[in-house]
Amino acid sequence: MLEKEIKILDIDQEKTIQILEKLWAKKTFEWYIHDIYYDFEEWENQKMEQNKRLFRVRKKWDLHLYTIKRKRNQKSEWAEKWIKIADEAEYEITDVESFSSVLEKYWMRKIREKKKFRISYKLWEVEFDIDKYDEIPTLIEIEAKSKEEIKYFISVLWFDNHTVKKFGSRKLYKYYNKEYLYIK
């Protein structure tokens, strides 16, 4: 699946939820998410990060997932300077702990992790994730099939004058001068 999303920083959570609910967006999730990222221990040329790939194991309430992402070249046909674009494959697993132990047997190790509180809404095929990290102002991710849909909802949700970013969580922490949890 091709993922196209942006982050809008420092939002008013209550106002955003009111607008989404007036638009008849359906709440699909509200709870904590725990993400653990993995990479290979050895073989520098095989490292996921150096090859613009990401391997994540996620606990989302009672749903356990593993995700593989590959960042798209910004010169691709979908390139847009303010939209994050990645190929993403996500699969359900029985539990994070068992799956993690299998990864470690194949020379992968935990490299970082994060926790956040998320409230998710869906309207048609557009997903809205309101995320709250410790010590970072509330933000929203908008994920849609086209840049036009993303632009439309930026306007509808009154985010025209907000800071829009395409970066991931590490750059988000850096943007706010906060320490990201790396595992050694």
N, C-alpha and C. Protein backbone atom coordinates (compact mmCIF):
# COMPACT_ATOMS: atom_id res chain seq x y z
N MET A 1 0.84 -1.17 0.00
CA MET A 1 0.00 0.00 0.00
C MET A 1 0.89 1.24 0.00
N LEU A 2 0.51 2.24 -0.72
CA LEU A 2 1.22 3.50 -0.76
C LEU A 2 0.63 4.42 0.30
N GLU A 3 1.46 4.82 1.25
CA GLU A 3 1.02 5.68 2.35
C GLU A 3 1.37 7.12 2.02
N LYS A 4 0.39 8.02 2.10
CA LYS A 4 0.60 9.45 1.90
C LYS A 4 0.03 10.16 3.12
N GLU A 5 0.91 10.84 3.86
CA GLU A 5 0.43 11.48 5.08
C GLU A 5 1.24 12.72 5.40
N ILE A 6 0.65 13.53 6.27
CA ILE A 6 1.33 14.71 6.81
C ILE A 6 1.00 14.80 8.28
N LYS A 7 1.83 15.56 8.99
CA LYS A 7 1.58 15.87 10.39
C LYS A 7 1.30 17.37 10.50
N ILE A 8 0.29 17.71 11.27
CA ILE A 8 0.01 19.12 11.57
C ILE A 8 0.25 19.29 13.06
N LEU A 9 1.15 20.20 13.40
CA LEU A 9 1.62 20.32 14.77
C LEU A 9 0.79 21.30 15.59
N ASP A 10 0.83 21.06 16.90
CA ASP A 10 0.28 21.97 17.90
C ASP A 10 -1.19 22.33 17.62
N ILE A 11 -2.02 21.30 17.64
CA ILE A 11 -3.44 21.51 17.34
C ILE A 11 -4.26 21.61 18.62
N ASP A 12 -5.46 22.15 18.49
CA ASP A 12 -6.44 22.16 19.57
C ASP A 12 -7.24 20.86 19.43
N GLN A 13 -6.97 19.91 20.31
CA GLN A 13 -7.58 18.57 20.20
C GLN A 13 -9.11 18.62 20.29
N GLU A 14 -9.65 19.35 21.25
CA GLU A 14 -11.11 19.40 21.42
C GLU A 14 -11.80 19.98 20.19
N LYS A 15 -11.29 21.09 19.69
CA LYS A 15 -11.88 21.73 18.51
C LYS A 15 -11.81 20.80 17.30
N THR A 16 -10.67 20.12 17.13
CA THR A 16 -10.49 19.21 16.00
C THR A 16 -11.49 18.06 16.07
N ILE A 17 -11.65 17.48 17.25
CA ILE A 17 -12.61 16.38 17.43
C ILE A 17 -14.03 16.86 17.16
N GLN A 18 -14.37 18.06 17.62
CA GLN A 18 -15.72 18.61 17.35
C GLN A 18 -15.98 18.71 15.85
N ILE A 19 -15.00 19.22 15.11
CA ILE A 19 -15.18 19.36 13.66
C ILE A 19 -15.30 17.98 13.00
N LEU A 20 -14.42 17.05 13.37
CA LEU A 20 -14.48 15.71 12.79
C LEU A 20 -15.84 15.06 13.05
N GLU A 21 -16.35 15.21 14.25
CA GLU A 21 -17.64 14.59 14.57
C GLU A 21 -18.80 15.29 13.87
N LYS A 22 -18.70 16.60 13.64
CA LYS A 22 -19.73 17.31 12.86
C LYS A 22 -19.73 16.85 11.40
N LEU A 23 -18.56 16.41 10.94
CA LEU A 23 -18.44 15.88 9.57
C LEU A 23 -18.86 14.41 9.49
N TRP A 24 -19.26 13.83 10.60
CA TRP A 24 -19.67 12.43 10.72
C TRP A 24 -18.50 11.47 10.56
N ALA A 25 -17.31 11.92 10.92
CA ALA A 25 -16.17 11.00 10.95
C ALA A 25 -16.43 9.99 12.08
N LYS A 26 -16.01 8.76 11.86
CA LYS A 26 -16.24 7.69 12.83
C LYS A 26 -14.98 7.48 13.67
N LYS A 27 -15.16 7.51 15.00
CA LYS A 27 -14.02 7.22 15.88
C LYS A 27 -13.72 5.73 15.77
N THR A 28 -12.45 5.40 15.50
CA THR A 28 -12.08 4.00 15.29
C THR A 28 -11.13 3.46 16.36
N PHE A 29 -10.53 4.39 17.15
CA PHE A 29 -9.56 3.93 18.14
C PHE A 29 -9.30 5.03 19.15
N GLU A 30 -9.09 4.63 20.42
CA GLU A 30 -8.66 5.57 21.45
C GLU A 30 -7.94 4.79 22.54
N TRP A 31 -6.61 4.86 22.53
CA TRP A 31 -5.81 4.19 23.54
C TRP A 31 -4.33 4.45 23.27
N TYR A 32 -3.49 3.83 24.07
CA TYR A 32 -2.04 3.97 23.92
C TYR A 32 -1.50 3.04 22.84
N ILE A 33 -0.44 3.51 22.19
CA ILE A 33 0.27 2.71 21.20
C ILE A 33 1.73 2.63 21.64
N HIS A 34 2.28 1.42 21.57
CA HIS A 34 3.68 1.20 21.92
C HIS A 34 4.37 0.64 20.67
N ASP A 35 5.35 1.37 20.17
CA ASP A 35 6.09 0.97 18.97
C ASP A 35 7.51 0.61 19.34
N ILE A 36 7.99 -0.50 18.77
CA ILE A 36 9.38 -0.93 18.93
C ILE A 36 9.95 -1.12 17.54
N TYR A 37 11.11 -0.51 17.29
CA TYR A 37 11.74 -0.57 15.98
C TYR A 37 12.93 -1.52 16.03
N TYR A 38 13.12 -2.25 14.94
CA TYR A 38 14.19 -3.25 14.84
C TYR A 38 15.06 -2.98 13.64
N ASP A 39 16.33 -3.43 13.76
CA ASP A 39 17.25 -3.40 12.64
C ASP A 39 18.26 -4.53 12.84
N PHE A 40 19.01 -4.84 11.79
CA PHE A 40 20.01 -5.90 11.88
C PHE A 40 21.19 -5.45 12.73
N GLU A 41 21.77 -6.39 13.48
CA GLU A 41 22.92 -6.09 14.34
C GLU A 41 24.18 -5.85 13.53
N GLU A 42 24.41 -6.69 12.57
CA GLU A 42 25.66 -6.69 11.81
C GLU A 42 25.40 -6.24 10.38
N TRP A 43 26.39 -6.45 9.54
CA TRP A 43 26.27 -6.27 8.10
C TRP A 43 25.72 -4.89 7.72
N GLU A 44 26.57 -3.91 7.80
CA GLU A 44 26.17 -2.53 7.54
C GLU A 44 25.35 -2.36 6.26
N ASN A 45 25.70 -3.09 5.21
CA ASN A 45 24.96 -2.92 3.95
C ASN A 45 23.56 -3.51 4.00
N GLN A 46 23.24 -4.27 5.05
CA GLN A 46 21.90 -4.84 5.20
C GLN A 46 21.01 -4.03 6.14
N LYS A 47 21.54 -3.00 6.76
CA LYS A 47 20.77 -2.21 7.72
C LYS A 47 19.51 -1.66 7.07
N MET A 48 18.40 -1.79 7.78
CA MET A 48 17.12 -1.31 7.27
C MET A 48 17.16 0.21 7.06
N GLU A 49 17.60 0.92 8.08
CA GLU A 49 17.59 2.39 8.02
C GLU A 49 18.45 2.93 6.89
N GLN A 50 19.62 2.32 6.67
CA GLN A 50 20.50 2.81 5.61
C GLN A 50 19.90 2.57 4.23
N ASN A 51 18.96 1.66 4.14
CA ASN A 51 18.29 1.38 2.87
C ASN A 51 16.89 1.99 2.82
N LYS A 52 16.66 3.02 3.66
CA LYS A 52 15.39 3.77 3.72
C LYS A 52 14.21 2.86 4.02
N ARG A 53 14.45 1.88 4.89
CA ARG A 53 13.40 0.95 5.30
C ARG A 53 13.22 1.02 6.80
N LEU A 54 12.07 0.58 7.24
CA LEU A 54 11.75 0.59 8.65
C LEU A 54 11.03 -0.71 8.99
N PHE A 55 11.35 -1.28 10.13
CA PHE A 55 10.69 -2.49 10.61
C PHE A 55 10.18 -2.19 12.01
N ARG A 56 8.86 -2.21 12.17
CA ARG A 56 8.24 -1.82 13.43
C ARG A 56 7.31 -2.92 13.94
N VAL A 57 7.35 -3.12 15.24
CA VAL A 57 6.39 -3.99 15.92
C VAL A 57 5.54 -3.08 16.80
N ARG A 58 4.22 -3.24 16.72
CA ARG A 58 3.32 -2.30 17.40
C ARG A 58 2.30 -3.04 18.26
N LYS A 59 2.11 -2.50 19.46
CA LYS A 59 1.01 -2.92 20.34
C LYS A 59 -0.02 -1.80 20.33
N LYS A 60 -1.21 -2.13 19.85
CA LYS A 60 -2.29 -1.15 19.74
C LYS A 60 -3.50 -1.76 20.43
N TRP A 61 -3.56 -1.56 21.77
CA TRP A 61 -4.56 -2.19 22.62
C TRP A 61 -4.39 -3.70 22.53
N ASP A 62 -5.39 -4.44 22.04
CA ASP A 62 -5.23 -5.89 21.93
C ASP A 62 -4.83 -6.32 20.52
N LEU A 63 -4.55 -5.37 19.66
CA LEU A 63 -4.10 -5.65 18.30
C LEU A 63 -2.57 -5.56 18.26
N HIS A 64 -1.93 -6.59 17.72
CA HIS A 64 -0.48 -6.63 17.62
C HIS A 64 -0.12 -6.71 16.14
N LEU A 65 0.81 -5.85 15.70
CA LEU A 65 1.13 -5.72 14.28
C LEU A 65 2.63 -5.64 14.06
N TYR A 66 3.06 -6.06 12.86
CA TYR A 66 4.40 -5.69 12.42
C TYR A 66 4.25 -4.99 11.08
N THR A 67 5.10 -3.99 10.89
CA THR A 67 5.01 -3.13 9.72
C THR A 67 6.38 -3.00 9.08
N ILE A 68 6.39 -3.04 7.77
CA ILE A 68 7.60 -2.76 7.00
C ILE A 68 7.28 -1.56 6.11
N LYS A 69 8.13 -0.54 6.19
CA LYS A 69 7.94 0.66 5.36
C LYS A 69 9.21 0.91 4.56
N ARG A 70 9.01 1.49 3.39
CA ARG A 70 10.13 1.93 2.56
C ARG A 70 9.82 3.33 2.08
N LYS A 71 10.69 4.27 2.43
CA LYS A 71 10.49 5.65 2.00
C LYS A 71 10.63 5.75 0.50
N ARG A 72 9.73 6.49 -0.11
CA ARG A 72 9.80 6.74 -1.54
C ARG A 72 10.78 7.85 -1.83
N ASN A 73 11.45 7.73 -2.97
CA ASN A 73 12.33 8.78 -3.46
C ASN A 73 11.48 10.02 -3.70
N GLN A 74 11.92 11.16 -3.22
CA GLN A 74 11.15 12.38 -3.38
C GLN A 74 11.06 12.85 -4.83
N LYS A 75 11.76 12.17 -5.73
CA LYS A 75 11.66 12.52 -7.15
C LYS A 75 10.67 11.61 -7.86
N SER A 76 9.93 10.79 -7.09
CA SER A 76 8.97 9.88 -7.71
C SER A 76 7.75 10.64 -8.22
N GLU A 77 6.88 9.95 -8.92
CA GLU A 77 5.70 10.59 -9.49
C GLU A 77 4.76 11.16 -8.42
N TRP A 78 4.81 10.61 -7.22
CA TRP A 78 3.93 11.08 -6.13
C TRP A 78 4.58 12.18 -5.30
N ALA A 79 5.79 12.57 -5.63
CA ALA A 79 6.53 13.50 -4.79
C ALA A 79 5.79 14.81 -4.62
N GLU A 80 5.80 15.26 -3.42
CA GLU A 80 5.25 16.56 -3.06
C GLU A 80 6.07 16.99 -1.86
N LYS A 81 6.59 18.19 -1.88
CA LYS A 81 7.56 18.56 -0.85
C LYS A 81 7.02 18.48 0.57
N TRP A 82 5.73 18.55 0.76
CA TRP A 82 5.20 18.55 2.13
C TRP A 82 4.42 17.30 2.50
N ILE A 83 4.43 16.28 1.66
CA ILE A 83 3.72 15.03 1.96
C ILE A 83 4.73 13.89 2.10
N LYS A 84 4.60 13.13 3.18
CA LYS A 84 5.44 11.95 3.39
C LYS A 84 4.85 10.80 2.60
N ILE A 85 5.68 10.14 1.80
CA ILE A 85 5.22 9.05 0.95
C ILE A 85 6.08 7.82 1.21
N ALA A 86 5.43 6.69 1.46
CA ALA A 86 6.16 5.45 1.73
C ALA A 86 5.32 4.26 1.30
N ASP A 87 6.01 3.20 0.88
CA ASP A 87 5.34 1.91 0.67
C ASP A 87 5.21 1.29 2.05
N GLU A 88 4.05 0.75 2.36
CA GLU A 88 3.83 0.20 3.69
C GLU A 88 3.09 -1.12 3.59
N ALA A 89 3.59 -2.11 4.34
CA ALA A 89 2.90 -3.40 4.46
C ALA A 89 2.77 -3.67 5.95
N GLU A 90 1.54 -3.95 6.38
CA GLU A 90 1.28 -4.16 7.80
C GLU A 90 0.53 -5.48 7.98
N TYR A 91 0.98 -6.27 8.97
CA TYR A 91 0.40 -7.59 9.18
C TYR A 91 0.11 -7.80 10.66
N GLU A 92 -0.97 -8.49 10.93
CA GLU A 92 -1.33 -8.81 12.30
C GLU A 92 -0.52 -10.01 12.77
N ILE A 93 -0.10 -9.96 14.03
CA ILE A 93 0.63 -11.06 14.66
C ILE A 93 -0.09 -11.43 15.96
N THR A 94 0.20 -12.61 16.49
CA THR A 94 -0.50 -13.05 17.70
C THR A 94 -0.08 -12.27 18.93
N ASP A 95 1.22 -12.03 19.10
CA ASP A 95 1.66 -11.17 20.20
C ASP A 95 3.06 -10.64 19.94
N VAL A 96 3.31 -9.46 20.45
CA VAL A 96 4.56 -8.75 20.21
C VAL A 96 5.76 -9.49 20.80
N GLU A 97 5.62 -10.01 22.00
CA GLU A 97 6.75 -10.64 22.68
C GLU A 97 7.27 -11.86 21.91
N SER A 98 6.40 -12.75 21.51
CA SER A 98 6.81 -13.94 20.76
C SER A 98 7.45 -13.56 19.42
N PHE A 99 6.82 -12.63 18.73
CA PHE A 99 7.34 -12.20 17.44
C PHE A 99 8.71 -11.55 17.61
N SER A 100 8.87 -10.74 18.65
CA SER A 100 10.15 -10.08 18.91
C SER A 100 11.25 -11.09 19.17
N SER A 101 10.94 -12.15 19.89
CA SER A 101 11.97 -13.16 20.16
C SER A 101 12.40 -13.87 18.88
N VAL A 102 11.49 -14.06 17.94
CA VAL A 102 11.85 -14.64 16.64
C VAL A 102 12.78 -13.68 15.88
N LEU A 103 12.46 -12.40 15.88
CA LEU A 103 13.31 -11.42 15.20
C LEU A 103 14.73 -11.44 15.75
N GLU A 104 14.84 -11.54 17.06
CA GLU A 104 16.16 -11.53 17.68
C GLU A 104 16.95 -12.79 17.34
N LYS A 105 16.29 -13.88 17.07
CA LYS A 105 16.98 -15.10 16.64
C LYS A 105 17.56 -14.94 15.23
N TYR A 106 17.01 -14.00 14.47
CA TYR A 106 17.48 -13.74 13.11
C TYR A 106 18.33 -12.47 13.05
N TRP A 107 19.04 -12.18 14.13
CA TRP A 107 20.02 -11.10 14.21
C TRP A 107 19.42 -9.71 14.08
N MET A 108 18.19 -9.56 14.42
CA MET A 108 17.62 -8.22 14.50
C MET A 108 17.60 -7.83 15.97
N ARG A 109 17.74 -6.52 16.22
CA ARG A 109 17.71 -6.07 17.61
C ARG A 109 16.86 -4.81 17.72
N LYS A 110 16.35 -4.59 18.91
CA LYS A 110 15.59 -3.37 19.18
C LYS A 110 16.54 -2.19 19.11
N ILE A 111 16.13 -1.16 18.35
CA ILE A 111 17.00 0.01 18.26
C ILE A 111 16.38 1.25 18.90
N ARG A 112 15.05 1.32 18.93
CA ARG A 112 14.38 2.45 19.57
C ARG A 112 12.93 2.08 19.82
N GLU A 113 12.30 2.88 20.67
CA GLU A 113 10.88 2.66 20.92
C GLU A 113 10.22 3.96 21.33
N LYS A 114 8.91 3.99 21.22
CA LYS A 114 8.15 5.17 21.63
C LYS A 114 6.75 4.74 22.05
N LYS A 115 6.13 5.59 22.85
CA LYS A 115 4.75 5.40 23.26
C LYS A 115 4.00 6.70 23.03
N LYS A 116 2.74 6.57 22.67
CA LYS A 116 1.91 7.74 22.46
C LYS A 116 0.46 7.37 22.74
N PHE A 117 -0.35 8.39 22.99
CA PHE A 117 -1.79 8.19 23.13
C PHE A 117 -2.41 8.65 21.83
N ARG A 118 -3.27 7.81 21.24
CA ARG A 118 -3.84 8.12 19.93
C ARG A 118 -5.36 8.04 19.97
N ILE A 119 -5.98 9.02 19.28
CA ILE A 119 -7.42 8.99 19.00
C ILE A 119 -7.53 9.02 17.48
N SER A 120 -8.18 8.00 16.92
CA SER A 120 -8.27 7.89 15.46
C SER A 120 -9.71 8.05 14.99
N TYR A 121 -9.84 8.72 13.86
CA TYR A 121 -11.13 8.88 13.18
C TYR A 121 -10.95 8.49 11.71
N LYS A 122 -12.05 8.12 11.09
CA LYS A 122 -12.03 7.81 9.66
C LYS A 122 -13.26 8.45 9.02
N LEU A 123 -13.03 9.09 7.88
CA LEU A 123 -14.11 9.67 7.09
C LEU A 123 -13.84 9.28 5.65
N TRP A 124 -14.74 8.50 5.08
CA TRP A 124 -14.55 7.88 3.77
C TRP A 124 -13.27 7.05 3.85
N GLU A 125 -12.29 7.34 3.03
CA GLU A 125 -11.02 6.60 3.06
C GLU A 125 -9.90 7.41 3.69
N VAL A 126 -10.24 8.51 4.33
CA VAL A 126 -9.24 9.38 4.94
C VAL A 126 -9.15 9.07 6.43
N GLU A 127 -7.90 8.92 6.91
CA GLU A 127 -7.68 8.60 8.32
C GLU A 127 -7.06 9.80 9.03
N PHE A 128 -7.56 10.06 10.23
CA PHE A 128 -7.10 11.17 11.07
C PHE A 128 -6.64 10.58 12.39
N ASP A 129 -5.35 10.74 12.72
CA ASP A 129 -4.80 10.23 13.97
C ASP A 129 -4.32 11.40 14.81
N ILE A 130 -4.99 11.61 15.93
CA ILE A 130 -4.60 12.66 16.88
C ILE A 130 -3.66 12.00 17.88
N ASP A 131 -2.41 12.46 17.92
CA ASP A 131 -1.38 11.83 18.74
C ASP A 131 -0.89 12.78 19.82
N LYS A 132 -0.70 12.20 21.00
CA LYS A 132 -0.13 12.95 22.13
C LYS A 132 1.05 12.16 22.68
N TYR A 133 2.25 12.75 22.53
CA TYR A 133 3.48 12.21 23.10
C TYR A 133 3.77 13.00 24.38
N ASP A 134 4.51 12.40 25.31
CA ASP A 134 4.94 13.15 26.49
C ASP A 134 5.76 14.36 26.06
N GLU A 135 5.49 15.51 26.65
CA GLU A 135 6.26 16.74 26.47
C GLU A 135 6.21 17.33 25.06
N ILE A 136 5.32 16.85 24.20
CA ILE A 136 5.21 17.39 22.84
C ILE A 136 3.75 17.80 22.63
N PRO A 137 3.51 18.99 22.07
CA PRO A 137 2.12 19.41 21.83
C PRO A 137 1.37 18.41 20.94
N THR A 138 0.08 18.34 21.14
CA THR A 138 -0.78 17.42 20.38
C THR A 138 -0.67 17.74 18.89
N LEU A 139 -0.68 16.66 18.09
CA LEU A 139 -0.60 16.81 16.63
C LEU A 139 -1.63 15.89 15.99
N ILE A 140 -1.85 16.11 14.71
CA ILE A 140 -2.72 15.22 13.95
C ILE A 140 -2.00 14.78 12.69
N GLU A 141 -2.15 13.50 12.36
CA GLU A 141 -1.69 12.97 11.08
C GLU A 141 -2.92 12.80 10.20
N ILE A 142 -2.81 13.24 8.98
CA ILE A 142 -3.88 13.02 8.00
C ILE A 142 -3.29 12.13 6.92
N GLU A 143 -3.94 10.98 6.70
CA GLU A 143 -3.50 10.04 5.68
C GLU A 143 -4.62 9.85 4.68
N ALA A 144 -4.29 10.02 3.40
CA ALA A 144 -5.30 9.92 2.35
C ALA A 144 -4.66 9.34 1.09
N LYS A 145 -5.50 9.05 0.11
CA LYS A 145 -5.02 8.48 -1.14
C LYS A 145 -4.42 9.53 -2.07
N SER A 146 -4.78 10.80 -1.88
CA SER A 146 -4.27 11.84 -2.78
C SER A 146 -3.91 13.10 -2.02
N LYS A 147 -3.01 13.88 -2.62
CA LYS A 147 -2.63 15.15 -2.00
C LYS A 147 -3.80 16.13 -2.00
N GLU A 148 -4.69 16.00 -2.96
CA GLU A 148 -5.86 16.88 -3.01
C GLU A 148 -6.77 16.65 -1.80
N GLU A 149 -6.96 15.37 -1.41
CA GLU A 149 -7.77 15.08 -0.22
C GLU A 149 -7.11 15.65 1.03
N ILE A 150 -5.80 15.51 1.13
CA ILE A 150 -5.08 16.04 2.28
C ILE A 150 -5.24 17.56 2.34
N LYS A 151 -5.04 18.23 1.22
CA LYS A 151 -5.20 19.69 1.17
C LYS A 151 -6.62 20.10 1.55
N TYR A 152 -7.61 19.36 1.06
CA TYR A 152 -9.01 19.65 1.36
C TYR A 152 -9.26 19.61 2.87
N PHE A 153 -8.77 18.57 3.53
CA PHE A 153 -9.04 18.44 4.96
C PHE A 153 -8.19 19.38 5.81
N ILE A 154 -7.05 19.80 5.31
CA ILE A 154 -6.30 20.84 6.02
C ILE A 154 -7.16 22.10 6.11
N SER A 155 -7.83 22.41 5.01
CA SER A 155 -8.70 23.58 4.97
C SER A 155 -9.97 23.39 5.81
N VAL A 156 -10.64 22.26 5.64
CA VAL A 156 -11.89 21.99 6.37
C VAL A 156 -11.68 22.00 7.88
N LEU A 157 -10.52 21.51 8.33
CA LEU A 157 -10.24 21.44 9.76
C LEU A 157 -9.59 22.74 10.28
N TRP A 158 -9.51 23.76 9.44
CA TRP A 158 -8.98 25.06 9.81
C TRP A 158 -7.49 25.01 10.19
N PHE A 159 -6.70 24.22 9.47
CA PHE A 159 -5.28 24.09 9.75
C PHE A 159 -4.41 24.85 8.74
N ASP A 160 -5.00 25.73 7.96
CA ASP A 160 -4.25 26.45 6.92
C ASP A 160 -3.04 27.20 7.47
N ASN A 161 -3.12 27.70 8.69
CA ASN A 161 -2.03 28.49 9.26
C ASN A 161 -1.20 27.72 10.28
N HIS A 162 -1.37 26.42 10.34
CA HIS A 162 -0.59 25.59 11.26
C HIS A 162 0.70 25.11 10.58
N THR A 163 1.62 24.64 11.41
CA THR A 163 2.86 24.07 10.89
C THR A 163 2.59 22.66 10.38
N VAL A 164 2.91 22.42 9.12
CA VAL A 164 2.71 21.12 8.48
C VAL A 164 4.08 20.50 8.24
N LYS A 165 4.24 19.24 8.66
CA LYS A 165 5.52 18.55 8.49
C LYS A 165 5.27 17.16 7.93
N LYS A 166 6.28 16.64 7.26
CA LYS A 166 6.18 15.28 6.71
C LYS A 166 7.09 14.31 7.43
N PHE A 167 7.78 14.75 8.46
CA PHE A 167 8.77 13.88 9.09
C PHE A 167 8.16 12.83 10.01
N GLY A 168 9.01 11.87 10.39
CA GLY A 168 8.61 10.81 11.31
C GLY A 168 8.83 11.24 12.75
N SER A 169 8.69 10.28 13.66
CA SER A 169 8.73 10.60 15.08
C SER A 169 10.12 11.06 15.56
N ARG A 170 11.20 10.52 14.99
CA ARG A 170 12.52 10.96 15.43
C ARG A 170 12.75 12.44 15.14
N LYS A 171 12.37 12.86 13.94
CA LYS A 171 12.52 14.29 13.61
C LYS A 171 11.53 15.14 14.39
N LEU A 172 10.39 14.57 14.74
CA LEU A 172 9.43 15.29 15.58
C LEU A 172 10.06 15.59 16.94
N TYR A 173 10.68 14.59 17.54
CA TYR A 173 11.35 14.80 18.83
C TYR A 173 12.46 15.84 18.69
N LYS A 174 13.22 15.74 17.63
CA LYS A 174 14.31 16.69 17.40
C LYS A 174 13.75 18.11 17.21
N TYR A 175 12.65 18.24 16.48
CA TYR A 175 12.01 19.53 16.24
C TYR A 175 11.67 20.23 17.56
N TYR A 176 11.22 19.46 18.54
CA TYR A 176 10.86 20.00 19.85
C TYR A 176 12.00 19.90 20.87
N ASN A 177 13.20 19.57 20.41
CA ASN A 177 14.37 19.43 21.29
C ASN A 177 14.13 18.48 22.45
N LYS A 178 13.53 17.35 22.15
CA LYS A 178 13.26 16.33 23.16
C LYS A 178 14.09 15.09 22.84
N GLU A 179 14.41 14.34 23.89
CA GLU A 179 15.23 13.15 23.71
C GLU A 179 14.37 11.97 23.26
N TYR A 180 14.82 11.30 22.22
CA TYR A 180 14.14 10.10 21.70
C TYR A 180 14.74 8.89 22.38
N LEU A 181 13.93 7.88 22.67
CA LEU A 181 14.42 6.71 23.40
C LEU A 181 15.08 5.71 22.46
N TYR A 182 16.42 5.74 22.46
CA TYR A 182 17.19 4.76 21.71
C TYR A 182 17.59 3.64 22.66
N ILE A 183 17.62 2.44 22.16
CA ILE A 183 18.01 1.28 22.96
C ILE A 183 19.40 0.88 22.51
N LYS A 184 20.29 0.73 23.45
CA LYS A 184 21.68 0.37 23.09
C LYS A 184 21.88 -1.11 23.20
